[in-house]
C-alpha atoms as a PDB file:
ATOM      1  CA  MET A   1      60.810 205.180 222.279  1.00  0.00           C
ATOM      2  CA  LEU A   2      57.751 202.942 222.125  1.00  0.00           C
ATOM      3  CA  ARG A   3      57.231 203.827 218.463  1.00  0.00           C
ATOM      4  CA  SER A   4      60.866 202.892 217.705  1.00  0.00           C
ATOM      5  CA  LEU A   5      60.480 199.533 219.425  1.00  0.00           C
ATOM      6  CA  ARG A   6      57.313 198.842 217.426  1.00  0.00           C
ATOM      7  CA  THR A   7      59.127 199.724 214.200  1.00  0.00           C
ATOM      8  CA  LEU A   8      62.045 197.479 215.116  1.00  0.00           C
ATOM      9  CA  PHE A   9      59.692 194.626 216.014  1.00  0.00           C
ATOM     10  CA  GLY A  10      57.880 195.009 212.683  1.00  0.00           C
ATOM     11  CA  PHE A  11      61.164 194.969 210.808  1.00  0.00           C
ATOM     12  CA  LEU A  12      62.265 191.793 212.582  1.00  0.00           C
ATOM     13  CA  CYS A  13      58.950 190.120 211.757  1.00  0.00           C
ATOM     14  CA  LEU A  14      59.425 191.066 208.120  1.00  0.00           C
ATOM     15  CA  LEU A  15      62.899 189.479 208.118  1.00  0.00           C
ATOM     16  CA  VAL A  16      61.521 186.264 209.590  1.00  0.00           C
ATOM     17  CA  LEU A  17      58.775 186.175 206.962  1.00  0.00           C
ATOM     18  CA  LEU A  18      61.261 186.733 204.133  1.00  0.00           C
ATOM     19  CA  ALA A  19      63.517 183.985 205.504  1.00  0.00           C
ATOM     20  CA  GLU A  20      60.619 181.577 205.164  1.00  0.00           C
ATOM     21  CA  ILE A  21      59.395 182.718 201.745  1.00  0.00           C
ATOM     22  CA  VAL A  22      62.560 183.460 199.750  1.00  0.00           C
ATOM     23  CA  PRO A  23      64.023 179.909 199.736  1.00  0.00           C
ATOM     24  CA  SER A  24      60.776 178.498 198.353  1.00  0.00           C
ATOM     25  CA  LEU A  25      60.644 181.224 195.718  1.00  0.00           C
ATOM     26  CA  LEU A  26      64.207 180.472 194.686  1.00  0.00           C
ATOM     27  CA  ALA A  27      63.437 176.765 194.502  1.00  0.00           C
ATOM     28  CA  ASP A  28      60.695 177.544 191.998  1.00  0.00           C
ATOM     29  CA  THR A  29      62.698 179.972 189.888  1.00  0.00           C
ATOM     30  CA  VAL A  30      66.263 178.588 189.902  1.00  0.00           C
ATOM     31  CA  PRO A  31      66.443 175.648 187.458  1.00  0.00           C
ATOM     32  CA  ALA A  32      67.655 172.325 188.822  1.00  0.00           C
ATOM     33  CA  LYS A  33      70.831 170.815 187.426  1.00  0.00           C
ATOM     34  CA  LYS A  34      70.069 169.299 184.039  1.00  0.00           C
ATOM     35  CA  VAL A  35      70.040 165.502 183.991  1.00  0.00           C
ATOM     36  CA  SER A  36      71.632 163.502 181.183  1.00  0.00           C
ATOM     37  CA  HIS A  37      72.005 159.769 180.636  1.00  0.00           C
ATOM     38  CA  SER A  38      73.788 157.520 178.199  1.00  0.00           C
ATOM     39  CA  PHE A  39      72.023 154.230 177.528  1.00  0.00           C
ATOM     40  CA  LEU A  40      71.757 151.055 175.479  1.00  0.00           C
ATOM     41  CA  ALA A  41      68.408 150.664 173.702  1.00  0.00           C
ATOM     42  CA  SER A  42      66.915 147.434 172.400  1.00  0.00           C
ATOM     43  CA  GLY A  43      63.903 147.149 170.125  1.00  0.00           C
ATOM     44  CA  ALA A  44      63.306 147.259 166.390  1.00  0.00           C
ATOM     45  CA  GLU A  45      66.593 149.178 166.401  1.00  0.00           C
ATOM     46  CA  THR A  46      69.552 148.428 168.669  1.00  0.00           C
ATOM     47  CA  PHE A  47      71.830 151.352 169.574  1.00  0.00           C
ATOM     48  CA  ILE A  48      73.742 153.287 172.239  1.00  0.00           C
ATOM     49  CA  VAL A  49      73.165 157.003 172.878  1.00  0.00           C
ATOM     50  CA  ASP A  50      75.510 159.276 174.836  1.00  0.00           C
ATOM     51  CA  GLY A  51      74.539 161.961 177.332  1.00  0.00           C
ATOM     52  CA  ALA A  52      74.239 164.572 174.581  1.00  0.00           C
ATOM     53  CA  GLY A  53      71.732 162.434 172.677  1.00  0.00           C
ATOM     54  CA  LYS A  54      74.213 161.364 169.981  1.00  0.00           C
ATOM     55  CA  THR A  55      74.056 157.782 168.701  1.00  0.00           C
ATOM     56  CA  THR A  56      77.512 156.299 169.258  1.00  0.00           C
ATOM     57  CA  TRP A  57      76.849 152.648 168.313  1.00  0.00           C
ATOM     58  CA  ARG A  58      74.377 150.688 166.211  1.00  0.00           C
ATOM     59  CA  TYR A  59      73.758 147.006 165.615  1.00  0.00           C
ATOM     60  CA  ARG A  60      72.247 145.567 162.463  1.00  0.00           C
ATOM     61  CA  HIS A  61      69.569 143.399 164.153  1.00  0.00           C
ATOM     62  CA  GLY A  62      66.568 144.226 166.299  1.00  0.00           C
ATOM     63  CA  SER A  63      66.672 142.983 169.874  1.00  0.00           C
ATOM     64  CA  ARG A  64      64.497 142.421 172.939  1.00  0.00           C
ATOM     65  CA  ASP A  65      66.981 142.716 175.802  1.00  0.00           C
ATOM     66  CA  GLY A  66      70.621 143.677 176.175  1.00  0.00           C
ATOM     67  CA  TRP A  67      73.546 144.507 178.450  1.00  0.00           C
ATOM     68  CA  VAL A  68      76.809 146.374 178.062  1.00  0.00           C
ATOM     69  CA  LEU A  69      79.430 144.033 179.516  1.00  0.00           C
ATOM     70  CA  ALA A  70      82.503 144.978 181.524  1.00  0.00           C
ATOM     71  CA  ASN A  71      84.729 144.240 178.500  1.00  0.00           C
ATOM     72  CA  GLY A  72      82.723 146.694 176.370  1.00  0.00           C
ATOM     73  CA  ASN A  73      80.958 144.020 174.332  1.00  0.00           C
ATOM     74  CA  ILE A  74      77.164 143.884 174.096  1.00  0.00           C
ATOM     75  CA  LEU A  75      75.054 140.877 175.099  1.00  0.00           C
ATOM     76  CA  LEU A  76      71.715 140.783 173.265  1.00  0.00           C
ATOM     77  CA  ALA A  77      68.538 138.754 172.938  1.00  0.00           C
ATOM     78  CA  LEU A  78      67.824 138.992 169.215  1.00  0.00           C
ATOM     79  CA  ASN A  79      64.519 139.103 167.379  1.00  0.00           C
ATOM     80  CA  LYS A  80      63.764 136.419 164.813  1.00  0.00           C
ATOM     81  CA  THR A  81      65.816 136.736 161.640  1.00  0.00           C
ATOM     82  CA  LYS A  82      66.642 134.554 158.644  1.00  0.00           C
ATOM     83  CA  ASP A  83      69.824 133.476 160.425  1.00  0.00           C
ATOM     84  CA  TYR A  84      68.053 133.027 163.755  1.00  0.00           C
ATOM     85  CA  PRO A  85      64.479 131.814 163.067  1.00  0.00           C
ATOM     86  CA  GLY A  86      63.956 131.036 166.759  1.00  0.00           C
ATOM     87  CA  GLY A  87      65.698 134.167 168.004  1.00  0.00           C
ATOM     88  CA  ALA A  88      69.083 134.046 169.711  1.00  0.00           C
ATOM     89  CA  ALA A  89      71.354 135.182 172.507  1.00  0.00           C
ATOM     90  CA  VAL A  90      74.550 136.735 171.138  1.00  0.00           C
ATOM     91  CA  GLU A  91      77.571 138.655 172.369  1.00  0.00           C
ATOM     92  CA  VAL A  92      78.978 141.135 169.860  1.00  0.00           C
ATOM     93  CA  THR A  93      81.930 143.499 169.841  1.00  0.00           C
ATOM     94  CA  ARG A  94      81.591 147.209 169.158  1.00  0.00           C
ATOM     95  CA  ASP A  95      82.530 146.598 165.522  1.00  0.00           C
ATOM     96  CA  GLY A  96      79.698 144.073 165.187  1.00  0.00           C
ATOM     97  CA  LYS A  97      81.715 140.853 165.356  1.00  0.00           C
ATOM     98  CA  THR A  98      79.848 137.952 166.952  1.00  0.00           C
ATOM     99  CA  VAL A  99      81.968 136.248 169.641  1.00  0.00           C
ATOM    100  CA  PHE A 100      79.190 134.071 171.117  1.00  0.00           C
ATOM    101  CA  ALA A 101      75.834 132.853 169.828  1.00  0.00           C
ATOM    102  CA  PHE A 102      73.117 130.519 171.070  1.00  0.00           C
ATOM    103  CA  LYS A 103      70.324 129.867 168.582  1.00  0.00           C
ATOM    104  CA  GLY A 104      66.816 129.628 169.991  1.00  0.00           C
ATOM    105  CA  THR A 105      65.129 126.258 169.464  1.00  0.00           C
ATOM    106  CA  GLN A 106      61.491 127.354 169.718  1.00  0.00           C
ATOM    107  CA  SER A 107      59.489 130.471 168.844  1.00  0.00           C
ATOM    108  CA  GLU A 108      61.387 133.363 170.487  1.00  0.00           C
ATOM    109  CA  VAL A 109      64.235 134.269 172.827  1.00  0.00           C
ATOM    110  CA  ASN A 110      62.919 137.056 175.021  1.00  0.00           C
ATOM    111  CA  THR A 111      65.472 137.490 177.806  1.00  0.00           C
ATOM    112  CA  VAL A 112      69.212 137.589 178.203  1.00  0.00           C
ATOM    113  CA  GLN A 113      71.236 138.244 181.357  1.00  0.00           C
ATOM    114  CA  PRO A 114      74.962 137.835 182.069  1.00  0.00           C
ATOM    115  CA  LEU A 115      75.501 135.859 185.268  1.00  0.00           C
ATOM    116  CA  GLU A 116      78.362 135.652 187.735  1.00  0.00           C
ATOM    117  CA  GLY A 117      80.634 132.806 186.780  1.00  0.00           C
ATOM    118  CA  GLY A 118      80.123 133.347 183.060  1.00  0.00           C
ATOM    119  CA  ASN A 119      76.799 131.629 182.378  1.00  0.00           C
ATOM    120  CA  ILE A 120      74.055 133.396 180.424  1.00  0.00           C
ATOM    121  CA  LEU A 121      70.380 133.365 181.352  1.00  0.00           C
ATOM    122  CA  LEU A 122      67.737 133.323 178.627  1.00  0.00           C
ATOM    123  CA  THR A 123      64.110 132.372 178.144  1.00  0.00           C
ATOM    124  CA  GLU A 124      62.554 130.528 175.234  1.00  0.00           C
ATOM    125  CA  ALA A 125      58.915 131.027 174.281  1.00  0.00           C
ATOM    126  CA  GLY A 126      57.097 128.237 172.499  1.00  0.00           C
ATOM    127  CA  ALA A 127      55.163 125.018 173.020  1.00  0.00           C
ATOM    128  CA  LYS A 128      57.456 124.224 175.959  1.00  0.00           C
ATOM    129  CA  PRO A 129      58.300 127.574 177.556  1.00  0.00           C
ATOM    130  CA  ARG A 130      61.477 127.384 179.554  1.00  0.00           C
ATOM    131  CA  LEU A 131      64.247 129.310 181.249  1.00  0.00           C
ATOM    132  CA  LEU A 132      67.836 128.287 180.528  1.00  0.00           C
ATOM    133  CA  GLU A 133      71.278 128.944 181.899  1.00  0.00           C
ATOM    134  CA  ILE A 134      73.853 128.196 179.228  1.00  0.00           C
ATOM    135  CA  ASN A 135      77.625 128.200 179.487  1.00  0.00           C
ATOM    136  CA  ARG A 136      80.051 129.803 177.068  1.00  0.00           C
ATOM    137  CA  ASP A 137      80.228 126.572 175.094  1.00  0.00           C
ATOM    138  CA  GLY A 138      76.490 126.848 174.434  1.00  0.00           C
ATOM    139  CA  LYS A 139      75.717 123.885 176.682  1.00  0.00           C
ATOM    140  CA  ILE A 140      72.661 123.945 178.945  1.00  0.00           C
ATOM    141  CA  ALA A 141      73.697 124.165 182.605  1.00  0.00           C
ATOM    142  CA  VAL A 142      70.214 124.733 184.083  1.00  0.00           C
ATOM    143  CA  GLU A 143      66.761 124.191 182.583  1.00  0.00           C
ATOM    144  CA  VAL A 144      63.578 125.362 184.310  1.00  0.00           C
ATOM    145  CA  PRO A 145      60.201 124.585 182.675  1.00  0.00           C
ATOM    146  CA  LEU A 146      57.841 127.546 183.027  1.00  0.00           C
ATOM    147  CA  LYS A 147      54.181 127.141 183.928  1.00  0.00           C
ATOM    148  CA  ALA A 148      52.684 129.445 181.311  1.00  0.00           C
ATOM    149  CA  GLN A 149      49.848 129.447 178.795  1.00  0.00           C
ATOM    150  CA  THR A 150      50.826 128.104 175.382  1.00  0.00           C
ATOM    151  CA  LYS A 151      48.087 129.609 173.172  1.00  0.00           C
ATOM    152  CA  ASP A 152      50.132 132.756 172.497  1.00  0.00           C
ATOM    153  CA  HIS A 153      53.881 132.149 172.534  1.00  0.00           C
ATOM    154  CA  HIS A 154      54.720 135.831 172.161  1.00  0.00           C
ATOM    155  CA  LEU A 155      52.897 136.712 175.377  1.00  0.00           C
ATOM    156  CA  GLN A 156      54.415 134.025 177.597  1.00  0.00           C
ATOM    157  CA  THR A 157      57.381 135.747 179.258  1.00  0.00           C
ATOM    158  CA  ARG A 158      59.634 138.773 179.080  1.00  0.00           C
ATOM    159  CA  MET A 159      62.432 140.080 181.302  1.00  0.00           C
ATOM    160  CA  ALA A 160      63.273 137.110 183.517  1.00  0.00           C
ATOM    161  CA  ARG A 161      66.149 137.682 185.940  1.00  0.00           C
ATOM    162  CA  LYS A 162      68.220 135.506 188.250  1.00  0.00           C
ATOM    163  CA  LEU A 163      68.043 136.666 191.858  1.00  0.00           C
ATOM    164  CA  ALA A 164      70.754 136.818 194.504  1.00  0.00           C
ATOM    165  CA  ASN A 165      69.137 133.832 196.265  1.00  0.00           C
ATOM    166  CA  GLY A 166      69.584 131.665 193.166  1.00  0.00           C
ATOM    167  CA  ASN A 167      65.920 131.726 192.140  1.00  0.00           C
ATOM    168  CA  TYR A 168      64.473 133.275 188.966  1.00  0.00           C
ATOM    169  CA  LEU A 169      61.938 136.109 188.717  1.00  0.00           C
ATOM    170  CA  VAL A 170      59.725 135.722 185.643  1.00  0.00           C
ATOM    171  CA  PRO A 171      57.020 138.128 184.349  1.00  0.00           C
ATOM    172  CA  GLN A 172      54.309 136.127 182.532  1.00  0.00           C
ATOM    173  CA  LEU A 173      52.314 138.502 180.387  1.00  0.00           C
ATOM    174  CA  LEU A 174      49.060 136.863 179.332  1.00  0.00           C
ATOM    175  CA  ASP A 175      48.878 134.979 182.639  1.00  0.00           C
ATOM    176  CA  ARG A 176      49.030 138.363 184.408  1.00  0.00           C
ATOM    177  CA  VAL A 177      51.400 137.111 187.073  1.00  0.00           C
ATOM    178  CA  VAL A 178      55.018 137.510 188.163  1.00  0.00           C
ATOM    179  CA  ARG A 179      56.445 134.272 189.514  1.00  0.00           C
ATOM    180  CA  GLU A 180      59.627 133.367 191.358  1.00  0.00           C
ATOM    181  CA  TYR A 181      60.866 129.908 190.389  1.00  0.00           C
ATOM    182  CA  SER A 182      63.443 127.779 192.154  1.00  0.00           C
ATOM    183  CA  PRO A 183      66.113 126.052 190.010  1.00  0.00           C
ATOM    184  CA  LYS A 184      63.996 122.888 190.398  1.00  0.00           C
ATOM    185  CA  GLY A 185      61.008 124.630 188.802  1.00  0.00           C
ATOM    186  CA  ASP A 186      58.953 125.134 191.966  1.00  0.00           C
ATOM    187  CA  ILE A 187      56.965 128.374 192.260  1.00  0.00           C
ATOM    188  CA  VAL A 188      58.045 129.876 195.592  1.00  0.00           C
ATOM    189  CA  TRP A 189      56.401 133.318 195.238  1.00  0.00           C
ATOM    190  CA  GLU A 190      54.001 135.061 192.905  1.00  0.00           C
ATOM    191  CA  ALA A 191      52.157 138.343 192.525  1.00  0.00           C
ATOM    192  CA  LYS A 192      49.081 138.859 190.376  1.00  0.00           C
ATOM    193  CA  THR A 193      49.177 141.990 188.210  1.00  0.00           C
ATOM    194  CA  PRO A 194      46.395 144.274 186.886  1.00  0.00           C
ATOM    195  CA  HIS A 195      47.754 144.019 183.343  1.00  0.00           C
ATOM    196  CA  TRP A 196      50.447 142.188 181.359  1.00  0.00           C
ATOM    197  CA  PRO A 197      53.727 142.306 183.336  1.00  0.00           C
ATOM    198  CA  PHE A 198      56.828 142.949 181.248  1.00  0.00           C
ATOM    199  CA  THR A 199      59.570 143.911 183.710  1.00  0.00           C
ATOM    200  CA  ALA A 200      59.956 142.541 187.239  1.00  0.00           C
ATOM    201  CA  ILE A 201      62.836 143.907 189.330  1.00  0.00           C
ATOM    202  CA  ARG A 202      63.580 142.616 192.835  1.00  0.00           C
ATOM    203  CA  LEU A 203      64.704 145.615 194.867  1.00  0.00           C
ATOM    204  CA  ASP A 204      67.139 145.635 197.770  1.00  0.00           C
ATOM    205  CA  ASP A 205      64.328 145.937 200.344  1.00  0.00           C
ATOM    206  CA  GLY A 206      62.566 142.843 198.998  1.00  0.00           C
ATOM    207  CA  HIS A 207      59.917 144.768 197.080  1.00  0.00           C
ATOM    208  CA  THR A 208      59.366 144.057 193.377  1.00  0.00           C
ATOM    209  CA  LEU A 209      59.025 146.782 190.738  1.00  0.00           C
ATOM    210  CA  ILE A 210      56.749 145.734 187.863  1.00  0.00           C
ATOM    211  CA  ASN A 211      55.927 147.423 184.554  1.00  0.00           C
ATOM    212  CA  CYS A 212      52.534 146.525 183.098  1.00  0.00           C
ATOM    213  CA  THR A 213      52.877 147.154 179.336  1.00  0.00           C
ATOM    214  CA  LEU A 214      49.583 148.222 177.741  1.00  0.00           C
ATOM    215  CA  GLY A 215      48.176 149.072 181.152  1.00  0.00           C
ATOM    216  CA  ASN A 216      50.572 152.060 181.013  1.00  0.00           C
ATOM    217  CA  LEU A 217      51.216 151.285 184.643  1.00  0.00           C
ATOM    218  CA  VAL A 218      54.161 150.828 186.999  1.00  0.00           C
ATOM    219  CA  ILE A 219      53.637 149.219 190.402  1.00  0.00           C
ATOM    220  CA  GLU A 220      55.847 148.270 193.325  1.00  0.00           C
ATOM    221  CA  VAL A 221      54.643 145.369 195.448  1.00  0.00           C
ATOM    222  CA  ASP A 222      55.802 144.100 198.828  1.00  0.00           C
ATOM    223  CA  ARG A 223      56.580 140.518 199.816  1.00  0.00           C
ATOM    224  CA  LYS A 224      52.857 139.832 200.172  1.00  0.00           C
ATOM    225  CA  GLY A 225      52.207 141.045 196.623  1.00  0.00           C
ATOM    226  CA  GLU A 226      50.399 144.148 197.855  1.00  0.00           C
ATOM    227  CA  THR A 227      50.930 147.401 195.939  1.00  0.00           C
ATOM    228  CA  VAL A 228      52.900 149.984 197.932  1.00  0.00           C
ATOM    229  CA  TRP A 229      53.603 152.437 195.077  1.00  0.00           C
ATOM    230  CA  LYS A 230      51.940 153.041 191.733  1.00  0.00           C
ATOM    231  CA  LEU A 231      52.560 155.290 188.746  1.00  0.00           C
ATOM    232  CA  SER A 232      50.185 155.809 185.830  1.00  0.00           C
ATOM    233  CA  ASN A 233      49.446 158.439 183.203  1.00  0.00           C
ATOM    234  CA  ASP A 234      46.990 160.020 185.625  1.00  0.00           C
ATOM    235  CA  ASP A 235      50.011 161.076 187.724  1.00  0.00           C
ATOM    236  CA  LEU A 236      51.936 162.731 184.876  1.00  0.00           C
ATOM    237  CA  PRO A 237      51.362 165.793 182.678  1.00  0.00           C
ATOM    238  CA  GLY A 238      50.615 164.960 179.066  1.00  0.00           C
ATOM    239  CA  LYS A 239      50.063 161.254 179.795  1.00  0.00           C
ATOM    240  CA  PRO A 240      53.465 160.259 178.333  1.00  0.00           C
ATOM    241  CA  ILE A 241      53.458 156.511 179.091  1.00  0.00           C
ATOM    242  CA  ASN A 242      52.623 154.525 175.964  1.00  0.00           C
ATOM    243  CA  ASP A 243      53.176 150.778 176.525  1.00  0.00           C
ATOM    244  CA  ALA A 244      55.258 150.585 179.707  1.00  0.00           C
ATOM    245  CA  CYS A 245      57.721 147.848 178.818  1.00  0.00           C
ATOM    246  CA  GLY A 246      61.272 148.175 180.180  1.00  0.00           C
ATOM    247  CA  ALA A 247      62.163 149.786 183.506  1.00  0.00           C
ATOM    248  CA  GLN A 248      65.256 150.482 185.605  1.00  0.00           C
ATOM    249  CA  ARG A 249      65.499 151.627 189.228  1.00  0.00           C
ATOM    250  CA  LEU A 250      68.448 154.005 189.558  1.00  0.00           C
ATOM    251  CA  PRO A 251      70.771 154.281 192.594  1.00  0.00           C
ATOM    252  CA  ASN A 252      69.124 157.611 193.516  1.00  0.00           C
ATOM    253  CA  GLY A 253      65.734 155.898 193.877  1.00  0.00           C
ATOM    254  CA  ASN A 254      64.278 157.287 190.659  1.00  0.00           C
ATOM    255  CA  THR A 255      62.669 155.010 188.079  1.00  0.00           C
ATOM    256  CA  VAL A 256      63.243 155.146 184.314  1.00  0.00           C
ATOM    257  CA  ILE A 257      60.435 153.806 182.103  1.00  0.00           C
ATOM    258  CA  THR A 258      60.234 153.153 178.389  1.00  0.00           C
ATOM    259  CA  SER A 259      57.182 153.762 176.203  1.00  0.00           C
ATOM    260  CA  HIS A 260      57.516 151.035 173.587  1.00  0.00           C
ATOM    261  CA  HIS A 261      54.752 152.393 171.342  1.00  0.00           C
ATOM    262  CA  ALA A 262      56.119 155.942 171.279  1.00  0.00           C
ATOM    263  CA  THR A 263      57.112 157.036 167.794  1.00  0.00           C
ATOM    264  CA  ALA A 264      59.141 159.945 166.335  1.00  0.00           C
ATOM    265  CA  LYS A 265      59.151 163.166 168.401  1.00  0.00           C
ATOM    266  CA  GLN A 266      57.357 161.450 171.308  1.00  0.00           C
ATOM    267  CA  ILE A 267      58.774 160.691 174.758  1.00  0.00           C
ATOM    268  CA  LYS A 268      60.409 157.265 174.644  1.00  0.00           C
ATOM    269  CA  LEU A 269      62.163 157.235 178.017  1.00  0.00           C
ATOM    270  CA  LEU A 270      61.284 159.159 181.142  1.00  0.00           C
ATOM    271  CA  GLU A 271      62.777 159.321 184.618  1.00  0.00           C
ATOM    272  CA  VAL A 272      60.462 159.959 187.560  1.00  0.00           C
ATOM    273  CA  THR A 273      61.114 160.556 191.237  1.00  0.00           C
ATOM    274  CA  ARG A 274      59.424 158.735 194.080  1.00  0.00           C
ATOM    275  CA  ASP A 275      56.947 161.608 194.359  1.00  0.00           C
ATOM    276  CA  LYS A 276      56.166 161.249 190.632  1.00  0.00           C
ATOM    277  CA  LYS A 277      58.013 164.259 189.244  1.00  0.00           C
ATOM    278  CA  ILE A 278      59.538 163.935 185.769  1.00  0.00           C
ATOM    279  CA  VAL A 279      63.227 164.908 185.854  1.00  0.00           C
ATOM    280  CA  TRP A 280      64.453 163.581 182.477  1.00  0.00           C
ATOM    281  CA  THR A 281      63.012 162.523 179.137  1.00  0.00           C
ATOM    282  CA  TYR A 282      64.398 161.206 175.872  1.00  0.00           C
ATOM    283  CA  THR A 283      62.925 161.465 172.400  1.00  0.00           C
ATOM    284  CA  ASP A 284      64.314 161.099 168.890  1.00  0.00           C
ATOM    285  CA  ASP A 285      63.296 160.975 165.237  1.00  0.00           C
ATOM    286  CA  ARG A 286      63.098 157.191 165.009  1.00  0.00           C
ATOM    287  CA  LYS A 287      59.670 155.799 164.206  1.00  0.00           C
ATOM    288  CA  ALA A 288      60.387 152.695 166.297  1.00  0.00           C
ATOM    289  CA  GLY A 289      60.042 152.743 170.069  1.00  0.00           C
ATOM    290  CA  ILE A 290      62.353 151.295 172.725  1.00  0.00           C
ATOM    291  CA  HIS A 291      61.547 147.802 174.004  1.00  0.00           C
ATOM    292  CA  HIS A 292      64.036 147.771 176.869  1.00  0.00           C
ATOM    293  CA  PHE A 293      67.185 149.686 177.819  1.00  0.00           C
ATOM    294  CA  GLN A 294      70.134 149.949 180.176  1.00  0.00           C
ATOM    295  CA  ILE A 295      71.017 153.323 181.661  1.00  0.00           C
ATOM    296  CA  LEU A 296      74.823 153.467 181.639  1.00  0.00           C
ATOM    297  CA  ASP A 297      75.644 156.772 183.322  1.00  0.00           C
ATOM    298  CA  THR A 298      74.156 159.944 184.787  1.00  0.00           C
ATOM    299  CA  ASN A 299      75.744 163.277 183.863  1.00  0.00           C
ATOM    300  CA  GLY A 300      78.816 161.393 182.652  1.00  0.00           C
ATOM    301  CA  LYS A 301      79.270 159.377 185.861  1.00  0.00           C
ATOM    302  CA  LYS A 302      78.983 155.604 185.489  1.00  0.00           C
ATOM    303  CA  LEU A 303      76.188 154.078 187.553  1.00  0.00           C
ATOM    304  CA  GLU A 304      77.411 152.287 190.644  1.00  0.00           C
ATOM    305  CA  GLY A 305      76.381 148.785 191.621  1.00  0.00           C
ATOM    306  CA  LYS A 306      74.494 146.100 189.770  1.00  0.00           C
ATOM    307  CA  PRO A 307      71.871 147.535 187.375  1.00  0.00           C
ATOM    308  CA  LEU A 308      68.328 146.993 188.662  1.00  0.00           C
ATOM    309  CA  ARG A 309      66.576 146.361 185.377  1.00  0.00           C
END
């Protein structure tokens, strides 16, 4: 009888042990659901890719920033061209027809953002760096002079964004600072960065997500400008970040990052979790990298809410 009880006790212990071990083994061996995204890419080439990796739309000009609008048109900040020697902000249809254009008046147009009410936000780099809100007639509704170095126009600003409070968040590359400007041009907040900031995204909790280009670094800072999260190549296998330009924080809390200097067959976009696990990557045969992007859907489901990018 005693021997039977001992055998039964041992069997029960074995069951308990298996209950603890088997789920973890399955988690390691059963593949997670494959992630796919469709997205708009801006850079030396401007295009849209679907979840299967097929290019479904192309535009003839290179661009720096862009958005897919609710009507299906694309709003773009264009690189310099013969037609637009100072860059431009344009809205184009899917068949490439231009339905709105604002020609840059200085060196470059580096930002574009559609705003509630119909205005468009853009930045101009040059001898007098500035942020503009323009209406659909091309008239300036708001002008904010930016306090930036003027020795290198190209490295003055990148992805400026209007915030819910009416202020503007502006990454200033060579100055190594992200600044929040009021519509009157006052600096109401700033955070110093360890390298050139390209993307600055104000998150719902008040933190700011910042990509630091050639530092191959992504940081999240709190309201005091202190770093509360950081991602670098040291955290990732294969060191895939190569010029961390554009970024987007997804509704699930993951972060997508572009490697602008990545070339053909190299990782150009990667999605990482909060605990720094890579769950999705994109590569293609194009020699040019991706400057910035907009993730449009995940596994065929349109992203909810306002894009944080």
